[in-house]
Amino acid sequence: MSSTNRGAKRRPNDDYQTPPPTIGSLLEHVTPFGKFLEPCKGSGNILQAVAPYVGHADWCEITEGRDFLSFVNDGLPYDWIISNPPFSLAREFIDRSIQLATNMAMLLRLNFLESNDRLPWWQDKTPDAIYALSHRPNFLDREGRPILNKHGKPGTDSCGYGWFVWSASYTGIHVIGPPEET
């Protein structure tokens, strides 16, 4: 979901893979559990990162014929949904996730908060916590390579991001750094 201000063409389906350090930043503060769903599997970075924490993992991926917005689950709610939704459909992904899961985290641009058109929606869908990233992520392509800027070089995105969390277990606004090296 990289910002288009990078000088490059927007990728089809807003296909910007989440870098593992960005996922690690969240997992140092939020622990998913139980039945899990990743609505935009892409290359599977989020699924791989949460695998040690969850009991059962499902996924959707529009390029593989599993469209999250028309996905029908088995009727039981998911304990967690964590995703980097396409920016152009972020509201729809959040609305659908709220219907399907008890807890969720979405990687969004911080400026997603800035919109008079979204104000009534935000007032109804206020997250319980926001984990603002102190670093700007460098999104990846499907092969795990950094997406290049207009100068053909890897670089960070042009705006700030955060993990927006809807869960009674987590509250407040936090600024988080890259994960600790182990």
N, C-alpha and C. Protein backbone atom coordinates (compact mmCIF):
# COMPACT_ATOMS: atom_id res chain seq x y z
N MET A 1 0.81 -1.18 0.00
CA MET A 1 0.00 0.00 0.00
C MET A 1 0.86 1.25 0.00
N SER A 2 1.96 1.22 -0.61
CA SER A 2 2.91 2.32 -0.66
C SER A 2 2.30 3.59 -1.22
N SER A 3 2.75 4.71 -0.70
CA SER A 3 2.24 5.99 -1.17
C SER A 3 2.74 6.29 -2.58
N THR A 4 1.89 6.88 -3.40
CA THR A 4 2.26 7.11 -4.79
C THR A 4 3.21 8.27 -4.96
N ASN A 5 3.55 8.96 -3.90
CA ASN A 5 4.44 10.10 -3.97
C ASN A 5 5.89 9.70 -4.22
N ARG A 6 6.14 8.42 -4.39
CA ARG A 6 7.49 7.93 -4.61
C ARG A 6 7.95 8.18 -6.03
N GLY A 7 7.06 8.62 -6.90
CA GLY A 7 7.45 8.90 -8.27
C GLY A 7 7.32 7.69 -9.18
N ALA A 8 6.85 6.60 -8.70
CA ALA A 8 6.68 5.40 -9.50
C ALA A 8 5.20 5.16 -9.74
N LYS A 9 4.89 4.34 -10.73
CA LYS A 9 3.50 3.99 -10.98
C LYS A 9 2.96 3.13 -9.85
N ARG A 10 1.69 3.31 -9.57
CA ARG A 10 1.03 2.51 -8.55
C ARG A 10 1.00 1.05 -9.02
N ARG A 11 1.23 0.12 -8.12
CA ARG A 11 1.28 -1.31 -8.44
C ARG A 11 -0.14 -1.86 -8.53
N PRO A 12 -0.41 -2.77 -9.48
CA PRO A 12 -1.75 -3.37 -9.59
C PRO A 12 -2.18 -4.00 -8.28
N ASN A 13 -3.47 -3.87 -7.96
CA ASN A 13 -4.06 -4.39 -6.72
C ASN A 13 -3.39 -3.82 -5.47
N ASP A 14 -2.72 -2.66 -5.57
CA ASP A 14 -1.99 -2.10 -4.43
C ASP A 14 -1.08 -3.17 -3.81
N ASP A 15 -0.34 -3.86 -4.65
CA ASP A 15 0.48 -5.00 -4.24
C ASP A 15 1.82 -4.54 -3.68
N TYR A 16 1.83 -4.29 -2.38
CA TYR A 16 3.04 -3.89 -1.65
C TYR A 16 3.19 -4.84 -0.48
N GLN A 17 4.14 -5.75 -0.58
CA GLN A 17 4.33 -6.78 0.44
C GLN A 17 4.93 -6.18 1.71
N THR A 18 4.45 -6.63 2.84
CA THR A 18 4.88 -6.11 4.13
C THR A 18 6.27 -6.65 4.48
N PRO A 19 7.23 -5.75 4.74
CA PRO A 19 8.56 -6.23 5.12
C PRO A 19 8.54 -6.91 6.49
N PRO A 20 9.24 -8.04 6.64
CA PRO A 20 9.26 -8.74 7.93
C PRO A 20 9.60 -7.85 9.14
N PRO A 21 10.54 -6.89 9.06
CA PRO A 21 10.79 -6.06 10.25
C PRO A 21 9.56 -5.24 10.68
N THR A 22 8.73 -4.86 9.72
CA THR A 22 7.52 -4.10 10.06
C THR A 22 6.53 -4.99 10.82
N ILE A 23 6.45 -6.25 10.43
CA ILE A 23 5.59 -7.20 11.14
C ILE A 23 6.19 -7.47 12.52
N GLY A 24 7.50 -7.63 12.57
CA GLY A 24 8.18 -7.86 13.85
C GLY A 24 7.97 -6.73 14.83
N SER A 25 7.90 -5.50 14.32
CA SER A 25 7.64 -4.35 15.18
C SER A 25 6.31 -4.51 15.91
N LEU A 26 5.29 -4.96 15.19
CA LEU A 26 3.98 -5.17 15.81
C LEU A 26 4.04 -6.32 16.81
N LEU A 27 4.66 -7.42 16.41
CA LEU A 27 4.64 -8.62 17.25
C LEU A 27 5.46 -8.48 18.53
N GLU A 28 6.27 -7.45 18.63
CA GLU A 28 6.94 -7.17 19.91
C GLU A 28 5.98 -6.56 20.92
N HIS A 29 4.81 -6.12 20.46
CA HIS A 29 3.85 -5.43 21.32
C HIS A 29 2.48 -6.11 21.38
N VAL A 30 2.12 -6.84 20.34
CA VAL A 30 0.81 -7.46 20.22
C VAL A 30 1.02 -8.95 19.94
N THR A 31 0.31 -9.79 20.67
CA THR A 31 0.46 -11.23 20.48
C THR A 31 -0.85 -11.83 19.97
N PRO A 32 -0.88 -12.21 18.69
CA PRO A 32 -2.08 -12.88 18.18
C PRO A 32 -2.16 -14.31 18.71
N PHE A 33 -3.35 -14.88 18.68
CA PHE A 33 -3.55 -16.24 19.19
C PHE A 33 -4.74 -16.86 18.48
N GLY A 34 -4.89 -18.16 18.66
CA GLY A 34 -6.08 -18.87 18.22
C GLY A 34 -6.26 -18.95 16.72
N LYS A 35 -7.50 -18.79 16.30
CA LYS A 35 -7.89 -18.89 14.90
C LYS A 35 -7.56 -17.56 14.21
N PHE A 36 -6.77 -17.62 13.14
CA PHE A 36 -6.21 -16.43 12.50
C PHE A 36 -6.57 -16.39 11.02
N LEU A 37 -6.76 -15.17 10.51
CA LEU A 37 -7.01 -14.97 9.07
C LEU A 37 -6.16 -13.82 8.57
N GLU A 38 -5.49 -14.03 7.44
CA GLU A 38 -4.76 -12.97 6.73
C GLU A 38 -5.52 -12.71 5.43
N PRO A 39 -6.19 -11.54 5.32
CA PRO A 39 -7.03 -11.24 4.16
C PRO A 39 -6.28 -10.97 2.85
N CYS A 40 -5.01 -10.63 2.93
CA CYS A 40 -4.21 -10.30 1.74
C CYS A 40 -2.88 -11.04 1.83
N LYS A 41 -2.91 -12.34 1.66
CA LYS A 41 -1.72 -13.16 1.91
C LYS A 41 -0.49 -12.71 1.14
N GLY A 42 -0.66 -12.31 -0.11
CA GLY A 42 0.50 -11.93 -0.90
C GLY A 42 1.54 -13.03 -0.89
N SER A 43 2.76 -12.69 -0.55
CA SER A 43 3.84 -13.68 -0.51
C SER A 43 3.91 -14.41 0.83
N GLY A 44 3.03 -14.10 1.75
CA GLY A 44 2.92 -14.85 3.00
C GLY A 44 3.76 -14.35 4.16
N ASN A 45 4.28 -13.13 4.08
CA ASN A 45 5.14 -12.62 5.15
C ASN A 45 4.43 -12.55 6.50
N ILE A 46 3.20 -12.07 6.52
CA ILE A 46 2.47 -11.97 7.80
C ILE A 46 2.14 -13.37 8.31
N LEU A 47 1.67 -14.26 7.44
CA LEU A 47 1.36 -15.62 7.87
C LEU A 47 2.57 -16.31 8.49
N GLN A 48 3.72 -16.16 7.87
CA GLN A 48 4.94 -16.78 8.41
C GLN A 48 5.29 -16.20 9.77
N ALA A 49 5.13 -14.89 9.93
CA ALA A 49 5.50 -14.25 11.19
C ALA A 49 4.59 -14.64 12.34
N VAL A 50 3.29 -14.82 12.08
CA VAL A 50 2.36 -15.14 13.16
C VAL A 50 2.23 -16.64 13.43
N ALA A 51 2.76 -17.47 12.54
CA ALA A 51 2.61 -18.92 12.68
C ALA A 51 2.97 -19.45 14.07
N PRO A 52 4.04 -18.97 14.72
CA PRO A 52 4.35 -19.50 16.05
C PRO A 52 3.33 -19.14 17.14
N TYR A 53 2.46 -18.18 16.87
CA TYR A 53 1.54 -17.68 17.89
C TYR A 53 0.12 -18.23 17.76
N VAL A 54 -0.27 -18.62 16.57
CA VAL A 54 -1.68 -18.96 16.32
C VAL A 54 -1.86 -20.47 16.18
N GLY A 55 -3.07 -20.92 16.45
CA GLY A 55 -3.35 -22.35 16.35
C GLY A 55 -3.76 -22.78 14.96
N HIS A 56 -4.53 -21.95 14.28
CA HIS A 56 -5.05 -22.28 12.95
C HIS A 56 -5.01 -21.00 12.11
N ALA A 57 -4.49 -21.09 10.91
CA ALA A 57 -4.38 -19.91 10.05
C ALA A 57 -5.08 -20.14 8.71
N ASP A 58 -5.94 -19.19 8.35
CA ASP A 58 -6.57 -19.15 7.03
C ASP A 58 -6.04 -17.93 6.30
N TRP A 59 -6.29 -17.89 5.01
CA TRP A 59 -5.84 -16.74 4.23
C TRP A 59 -6.77 -16.52 3.05
N CYS A 60 -6.72 -15.31 2.54
CA CYS A 60 -7.34 -14.94 1.27
C CYS A 60 -6.27 -14.24 0.45
N GLU A 61 -6.40 -14.31 -0.85
CA GLU A 61 -5.49 -13.61 -1.76
C GLU A 61 -6.19 -13.50 -3.10
N ILE A 62 -6.53 -12.28 -3.48
CA ILE A 62 -7.33 -12.07 -4.69
C ILE A 62 -6.64 -12.61 -5.94
N THR A 63 -5.31 -12.55 -5.99
CA THR A 63 -4.61 -13.06 -7.18
C THR A 63 -4.62 -14.58 -7.25
N GLU A 64 -5.06 -15.23 -6.16
CA GLU A 64 -5.18 -16.69 -6.14
C GLU A 64 -6.65 -17.12 -6.08
N GLY A 65 -7.56 -16.19 -6.41
CA GLY A 65 -8.98 -16.51 -6.50
C GLY A 65 -9.72 -16.53 -5.18
N ARG A 66 -9.11 -16.02 -4.12
CA ARG A 66 -9.78 -15.97 -2.82
C ARG A 66 -9.93 -14.52 -2.41
N ASP A 67 -11.06 -13.92 -2.78
CA ASP A 67 -11.34 -12.51 -2.53
C ASP A 67 -11.90 -12.33 -1.11
N PHE A 68 -11.17 -11.62 -0.29
CA PHE A 68 -11.57 -11.41 1.11
C PHE A 68 -12.94 -10.76 1.23
N LEU A 69 -13.25 -9.82 0.37
CA LEU A 69 -14.49 -9.08 0.51
C LEU A 69 -15.73 -9.95 0.22
N SER A 70 -15.55 -11.10 -0.43
CA SER A 70 -16.66 -12.03 -0.63
C SER A 70 -16.42 -13.36 0.09
N PHE A 71 -15.40 -13.41 0.94
CA PHE A 71 -15.03 -14.61 1.67
C PHE A 71 -16.13 -15.00 2.65
N VAL A 72 -16.44 -16.30 2.71
CA VAL A 72 -17.41 -16.83 3.66
C VAL A 72 -16.65 -17.80 4.57
N ASN A 73 -16.67 -17.52 5.87
CA ASN A 73 -15.97 -18.42 6.80
C ASN A 73 -16.94 -19.48 7.31
N ASP A 74 -16.49 -20.30 8.23
CA ASP A 74 -17.30 -21.42 8.74
C ASP A 74 -18.32 -20.98 9.78
N GLY A 75 -18.47 -19.70 9.97
CA GLY A 75 -19.45 -19.19 10.93
C GLY A 75 -18.86 -18.84 12.28
N LEU A 76 -17.72 -19.42 12.61
CA LEU A 76 -17.08 -19.10 13.89
C LEU A 76 -16.17 -17.89 13.70
N PRO A 77 -16.17 -16.96 14.65
CA PRO A 77 -15.32 -15.79 14.47
C PRO A 77 -13.84 -16.14 14.58
N TYR A 78 -13.04 -15.36 13.90
CA TYR A 78 -11.58 -15.48 14.02
C TYR A 78 -11.17 -14.74 15.28
N ASP A 79 -10.13 -15.25 15.93
CA ASP A 79 -9.58 -14.55 17.09
C ASP A 79 -8.80 -13.33 16.63
N TRP A 80 -8.06 -13.47 15.52
CA TRP A 80 -7.23 -12.37 15.00
C TRP A 80 -7.24 -12.30 13.48
N ILE A 81 -7.23 -11.07 13.00
CA ILE A 81 -6.93 -10.75 11.60
C ILE A 81 -5.82 -9.71 11.65
N ILE A 82 -4.76 -9.97 10.92
CA ILE A 82 -3.68 -8.99 10.77
C ILE A 82 -3.38 -8.87 9.29
N SER A 83 -3.31 -7.62 8.79
CA SER A 83 -3.12 -7.45 7.36
C SER A 83 -2.56 -6.08 7.00
N ASN A 84 -2.05 -6.02 5.80
CA ASN A 84 -1.65 -4.79 5.13
C ASN A 84 -2.62 -4.65 3.96
N PRO A 85 -3.79 -4.06 4.20
CA PRO A 85 -4.82 -4.05 3.16
C PRO A 85 -4.48 -3.09 2.03
N PRO A 86 -5.08 -3.32 0.85
CA PRO A 86 -4.89 -2.34 -0.23
C PRO A 86 -5.45 -0.99 0.21
N PHE A 87 -4.65 0.06 0.04
CA PHE A 87 -5.07 1.39 0.50
C PHE A 87 -6.43 1.77 -0.08
N SER A 88 -6.64 1.47 -1.35
CA SER A 88 -7.88 1.88 -2.01
C SER A 88 -9.11 1.17 -1.44
N LEU A 89 -8.91 0.07 -0.72
CA LEU A 89 -10.03 -0.68 -0.14
C LEU A 89 -9.91 -0.82 1.38
N ALA A 90 -9.10 0.00 2.01
CA ALA A 90 -8.83 -0.16 3.44
C ALA A 90 -10.10 -0.12 4.27
N ARG A 91 -10.99 0.83 4.01
CA ARG A 91 -12.23 0.90 4.80
C ARG A 91 -13.05 -0.37 4.66
N GLU A 92 -13.16 -0.87 3.43
CA GLU A 92 -13.93 -2.09 3.21
C GLU A 92 -13.30 -3.28 3.93
N PHE A 93 -11.96 -3.34 3.91
CA PHE A 93 -11.27 -4.44 4.59
C PHE A 93 -11.46 -4.34 6.11
N ILE A 94 -11.42 -3.15 6.65
CA ILE A 94 -11.63 -2.98 8.09
C ILE A 94 -13.07 -3.35 8.45
N ASP A 95 -14.03 -2.85 7.69
CA ASP A 95 -15.44 -3.18 7.97
C ASP A 95 -15.67 -4.69 7.93
N ARG A 96 -15.12 -5.35 6.93
CA ARG A 96 -15.30 -6.81 6.81
C ARG A 96 -14.58 -7.54 7.95
N SER A 97 -13.40 -7.07 8.31
CA SER A 97 -12.64 -7.70 9.40
C SER A 97 -13.38 -7.59 10.72
N ILE A 98 -14.01 -6.46 10.97
CA ILE A 98 -14.78 -6.28 12.21
C ILE A 98 -15.93 -7.29 12.27
N GLN A 99 -16.48 -7.65 11.12
CA GLN A 99 -17.55 -8.66 11.08
C GLN A 99 -17.03 -10.06 11.38
N LEU A 100 -15.75 -10.32 11.04
CA LEU A 100 -15.23 -11.68 11.10
C LEU A 100 -14.36 -12.00 12.31
N ALA A 101 -13.82 -10.98 12.99
CA ALA A 101 -12.82 -11.26 14.02
C ALA A 101 -13.07 -10.47 15.29
N THR A 102 -12.58 -11.02 16.39
CA THR A 102 -12.65 -10.37 17.69
C THR A 102 -11.56 -9.32 17.84
N ASN A 103 -10.37 -9.57 17.26
CA ASN A 103 -9.21 -8.68 17.35
C ASN A 103 -8.63 -8.52 15.95
N MET A 104 -8.10 -7.34 15.68
CA MET A 104 -7.46 -7.15 14.37
C MET A 104 -6.44 -6.03 14.42
N ALA A 105 -5.49 -6.13 13.49
CA ALA A 105 -4.48 -5.09 13.31
C ALA A 105 -4.30 -4.87 11.82
N MET A 106 -4.31 -3.61 11.41
CA MET A 106 -4.15 -3.25 10.01
C MET A 106 -3.00 -2.25 9.87
N LEU A 107 -2.10 -2.52 8.94
CA LEU A 107 -1.03 -1.59 8.63
C LEU A 107 -1.58 -0.54 7.68
N LEU A 108 -1.59 0.71 8.15
CA LEU A 108 -2.17 1.81 7.37
C LEU A 108 -1.25 3.02 7.41
N ARG A 109 -1.37 3.83 6.40
CA ARG A 109 -0.70 5.14 6.43
C ARG A 109 -1.29 5.92 7.60
N LEU A 110 -0.46 6.65 8.31
CA LEU A 110 -0.99 7.48 9.40
C LEU A 110 -1.90 8.57 8.85
N ASN A 111 -1.64 9.01 7.62
CA ASN A 111 -2.51 10.04 7.05
C ASN A 111 -3.86 9.49 6.61
N PHE A 112 -4.10 8.20 6.79
CA PHE A 112 -5.43 7.64 6.56
C PHE A 112 -6.44 8.24 7.54
N LEU A 113 -5.92 8.78 8.66
CA LEU A 113 -6.78 9.46 9.63
C LEU A 113 -7.28 10.81 9.10
N GLU A 114 -6.60 11.38 8.11
CA GLU A 114 -6.86 12.73 7.63
C GLU A 114 -7.88 12.76 6.50
N SER A 115 -9.13 12.84 6.84
CA SER A 115 -10.15 12.97 5.80
C SER A 115 -11.48 13.35 6.42
N ASN A 116 -12.03 14.44 5.97
CA ASN A 116 -13.37 14.81 6.42
C ASN A 116 -14.39 13.78 5.98
N ASP A 117 -14.18 13.17 4.80
CA ASP A 117 -15.11 12.15 4.33
C ASP A 117 -15.09 10.91 5.22
N ARG A 118 -13.93 10.59 5.78
CA ARG A 118 -13.83 9.41 6.65
C ARG A 118 -14.16 9.72 8.11
N LEU A 119 -14.33 10.98 8.48
CA LEU A 119 -14.53 11.34 9.88
C LEU A 119 -15.69 10.58 10.52
N PRO A 120 -16.90 10.55 9.94
CA PRO A 120 -17.98 9.79 10.60
C PRO A 120 -17.65 8.30 10.71
N TRP A 121 -16.99 7.77 9.69
CA TRP A 121 -16.60 6.37 9.72
C TRP A 121 -15.61 6.12 10.86
N TRP A 122 -14.60 7.00 10.99
CA TRP A 122 -13.61 6.85 12.07
C TRP A 122 -14.29 6.96 13.44
N GLN A 123 -15.27 7.83 13.58
CA GLN A 123 -15.93 7.98 14.87
C GLN A 123 -16.66 6.70 15.26
N ASP A 124 -17.11 5.95 14.27
CA ASP A 124 -17.78 4.69 14.51
C ASP A 124 -16.81 3.51 14.62
N LYS A 125 -15.64 3.62 14.02
CA LYS A 125 -14.67 2.51 13.94
C LYS A 125 -13.33 2.89 14.58
N THR A 126 -13.35 3.66 15.62
CA THR A 126 -12.12 4.12 16.27
C THR A 126 -11.31 2.93 16.77
N PRO A 127 -10.03 2.84 16.38
CA PRO A 127 -9.21 1.73 16.89
C PRO A 127 -8.95 1.90 18.38
N ASP A 128 -8.68 0.78 19.03
CA ASP A 128 -8.35 0.80 20.45
C ASP A 128 -6.92 1.25 20.70
N ALA A 129 -6.04 0.97 19.73
CA ALA A 129 -4.63 1.33 19.86
C ALA A 129 -4.06 1.63 18.48
N ILE A 130 -3.06 2.48 18.45
CA ILE A 130 -2.27 2.73 17.24
C ILE A 130 -0.81 2.61 17.63
N TYR A 131 -0.10 1.78 16.88
CA TYR A 131 1.34 1.60 17.06
C TYR A 131 2.02 2.26 15.87
N ALA A 132 2.36 3.54 16.03
CA ALA A 132 2.99 4.30 14.95
C ALA A 132 4.43 3.84 14.80
N LEU A 133 4.84 3.57 13.57
CA LEU A 133 6.21 3.13 13.31
C LEU A 133 7.15 4.33 13.31
N SER A 134 8.25 4.21 14.03
CA SER A 134 9.25 5.29 14.04
C SER A 134 10.07 5.28 12.75
N HIS A 135 9.96 4.23 11.99
CA HIS A 135 10.69 4.08 10.74
C HIS A 135 9.68 3.92 9.60
N ARG A 136 10.04 4.38 8.44
CA ARG A 136 9.16 4.20 7.28
C ARG A 136 9.50 2.89 6.60
N PRO A 137 8.50 2.06 6.37
CA PRO A 137 8.79 0.76 5.77
C PRO A 137 9.19 0.88 4.31
N ASN A 138 10.03 -0.03 3.88
CA ASN A 138 10.36 -0.18 2.47
C ASN A 138 9.64 -1.43 2.00
N PHE A 139 8.52 -1.24 1.32
CA PHE A 139 7.70 -2.37 0.90
C PHE A 139 8.43 -3.21 -0.14
N LEU A 140 7.99 -4.47 -0.24
CA LEU A 140 8.66 -5.45 -1.08
C LEU A 140 7.77 -5.89 -2.23
N ASP A 141 8.40 -6.44 -3.28
CA ASP A 141 7.62 -7.08 -4.33
C ASP A 141 7.37 -8.53 -3.93
N ARG A 142 6.69 -9.29 -4.75
CA ARG A 142 6.32 -10.67 -4.41
C ARG A 142 7.53 -11.59 -4.22
N GLU A 143 8.66 -11.22 -4.80
CA GLU A 143 9.86 -12.04 -4.65
C GLU A 143 10.70 -11.62 -3.45
N GLY A 144 10.21 -10.64 -2.68
CA GLY A 144 10.92 -10.19 -1.49
C GLY A 144 11.97 -9.13 -1.75
N ARG A 145 11.99 -8.58 -2.95
CA ARG A 145 12.94 -7.51 -3.27
C ARG A 145 12.33 -6.16 -2.93
N PRO A 146 13.15 -5.22 -2.45
CA PRO A 146 12.62 -3.88 -2.18
C PRO A 146 12.06 -3.24 -3.45
N ILE A 147 10.94 -2.55 -3.30
CA ILE A 147 10.37 -1.82 -4.43
C ILE A 147 11.24 -0.59 -4.65
N LEU A 148 11.57 -0.32 -5.90
CA LEU A 148 12.48 0.77 -6.23
C LEU A 148 11.73 2.08 -6.41
N ASN A 149 12.41 3.18 -6.09
CA ASN A 149 11.83 4.50 -6.28
C ASN A 149 12.01 4.94 -7.73
N LYS A 150 11.62 6.17 -8.04
CA LYS A 150 11.69 6.65 -9.42
C LYS A 150 13.12 6.74 -9.94
N HIS A 151 14.10 6.69 -9.04
CA HIS A 151 15.51 6.74 -9.44
C HIS A 151 16.10 5.33 -9.56
N GLY A 152 15.25 4.31 -9.40
CA GLY A 152 15.70 2.94 -9.53
C GLY A 152 16.45 2.41 -8.32
N LYS A 153 16.29 3.07 -7.17
CA LYS A 153 16.99 2.65 -5.96
C LYS A 153 15.97 2.28 -4.88
N PRO A 154 16.35 1.32 -4.01
CA PRO A 154 15.44 1.03 -2.90
C PRO A 154 15.39 2.23 -1.96
N GLY A 155 14.25 2.45 -1.39
CA GLY A 155 14.10 3.56 -0.45
C GLY A 155 12.86 3.40 0.37
N THR A 156 12.78 4.15 1.43
CA THR A 156 11.61 4.06 2.29
C THR A 156 10.44 4.74 1.62
N ASP A 157 9.27 4.49 2.17
CA ASP A 157 8.07 5.11 1.65
C ASP A 157 8.06 6.60 1.97
N SER A 158 7.15 7.32 1.35
CA SER A 158 7.13 8.78 1.50
C SER A 158 6.24 9.28 2.64
N CYS A 159 5.64 8.38 3.40
CA CYS A 159 4.81 8.83 4.51
C CYS A 159 4.90 7.83 5.66
N GLY A 160 4.42 8.26 6.82
CA GLY A 160 4.48 7.42 8.01
C GLY A 160 3.38 6.38 8.03
N TYR A 161 3.65 5.30 8.73
CA TYR A 161 2.71 4.18 8.84
C TYR A 161 2.54 3.79 10.30
N GLY A 162 1.48 3.07 10.56
CA GLY A 162 1.26 2.52 11.88
C GLY A 162 0.36 1.31 11.80
N TRP A 163 0.42 0.51 12.85
CA TRP A 163 -0.49 -0.62 13.00
C TRP A 163 -1.70 -0.12 13.79
N PHE A 164 -2.87 -0.14 13.18
CA PHE A 164 -4.11 0.26 13.82
C PHE A 164 -4.73 -1.02 14.39
N VAL A 165 -4.98 -1.03 15.69
CA VAL A 165 -5.40 -2.25 16.38
C VAL A 165 -6.78 -2.06 16.99
N TRP A 166 -7.65 -3.01 16.70
CA TRP A 166 -8.97 -3.09 17.31
C TRP A 166 -8.95 -4.32 18.19
N SER A 167 -8.81 -4.12 19.50
CA SER A 167 -8.74 -5.22 20.45
C SER A 167 -8.87 -4.64 21.85
N ALA A 168 -9.71 -5.25 22.68
CA ALA A 168 -9.87 -4.78 24.06
C ALA A 168 -8.60 -4.98 24.87
N SER A 169 -7.68 -5.82 24.39
CA SER A 169 -6.45 -6.11 25.13
C SER A 169 -5.36 -5.05 24.98
N TYR A 170 -5.51 -4.16 24.00
CA TYR A 170 -4.48 -3.16 23.72
C TYR A 170 -5.13 -1.79 23.60
N THR A 171 -4.51 -0.78 24.23
CA THR A 171 -5.07 0.56 24.18
C THR A 171 -3.95 1.59 24.04
N GLY A 172 -4.32 2.77 23.59
CA GLY A 172 -3.41 3.90 23.56
C GLY A 172 -2.70 4.09 22.24
N ILE A 173 -1.91 5.15 22.22
CA ILE A 173 -1.09 5.47 21.07
C ILE A 173 0.35 5.25 21.47
N HIS A 174 1.06 4.52 20.64
CA HIS A 174 2.45 4.14 20.93
C HIS A 174 3.32 4.43 19.72
N VAL A 175 4.54 4.81 19.94
CA VAL A 175 5.52 4.92 18.86
C VAL A 175 6.49 3.78 19.05
N ILE A 176 6.63 2.95 18.02
CA ILE A 176 7.46 1.76 18.13
C ILE A 176 8.56 1.78 17.09
N GLY A 177 9.69 1.22 17.44
CA GLY A 177 10.82 1.15 16.53
C GLY A 177 10.89 -0.19 15.84
N PRO A 178 11.95 -0.37 15.06
CA PRO A 178 12.14 -1.67 14.42
C PRO A 178 12.34 -2.73 15.50
N PRO A 179 12.09 -3.99 15.17
CA PRO A 179 12.23 -5.04 16.19
C PRO A 179 13.68 -5.15 16.65
N GLU A 180 13.82 -5.60 17.88
CA GLU A 180 15.16 -5.81 18.44
C GLU A 180 15.82 -6.97 17.72
N GLU A 181 17.10 -6.83 17.42
CA GLU A 181 17.86 -7.92 16.82
C GLU A 181 18.11 -8.97 17.89
N THR A 182 17.98 -10.24 17.51
CA THR A 182 18.24 -11.31 18.49
C THR A 182 19.45 -12.11 18.09
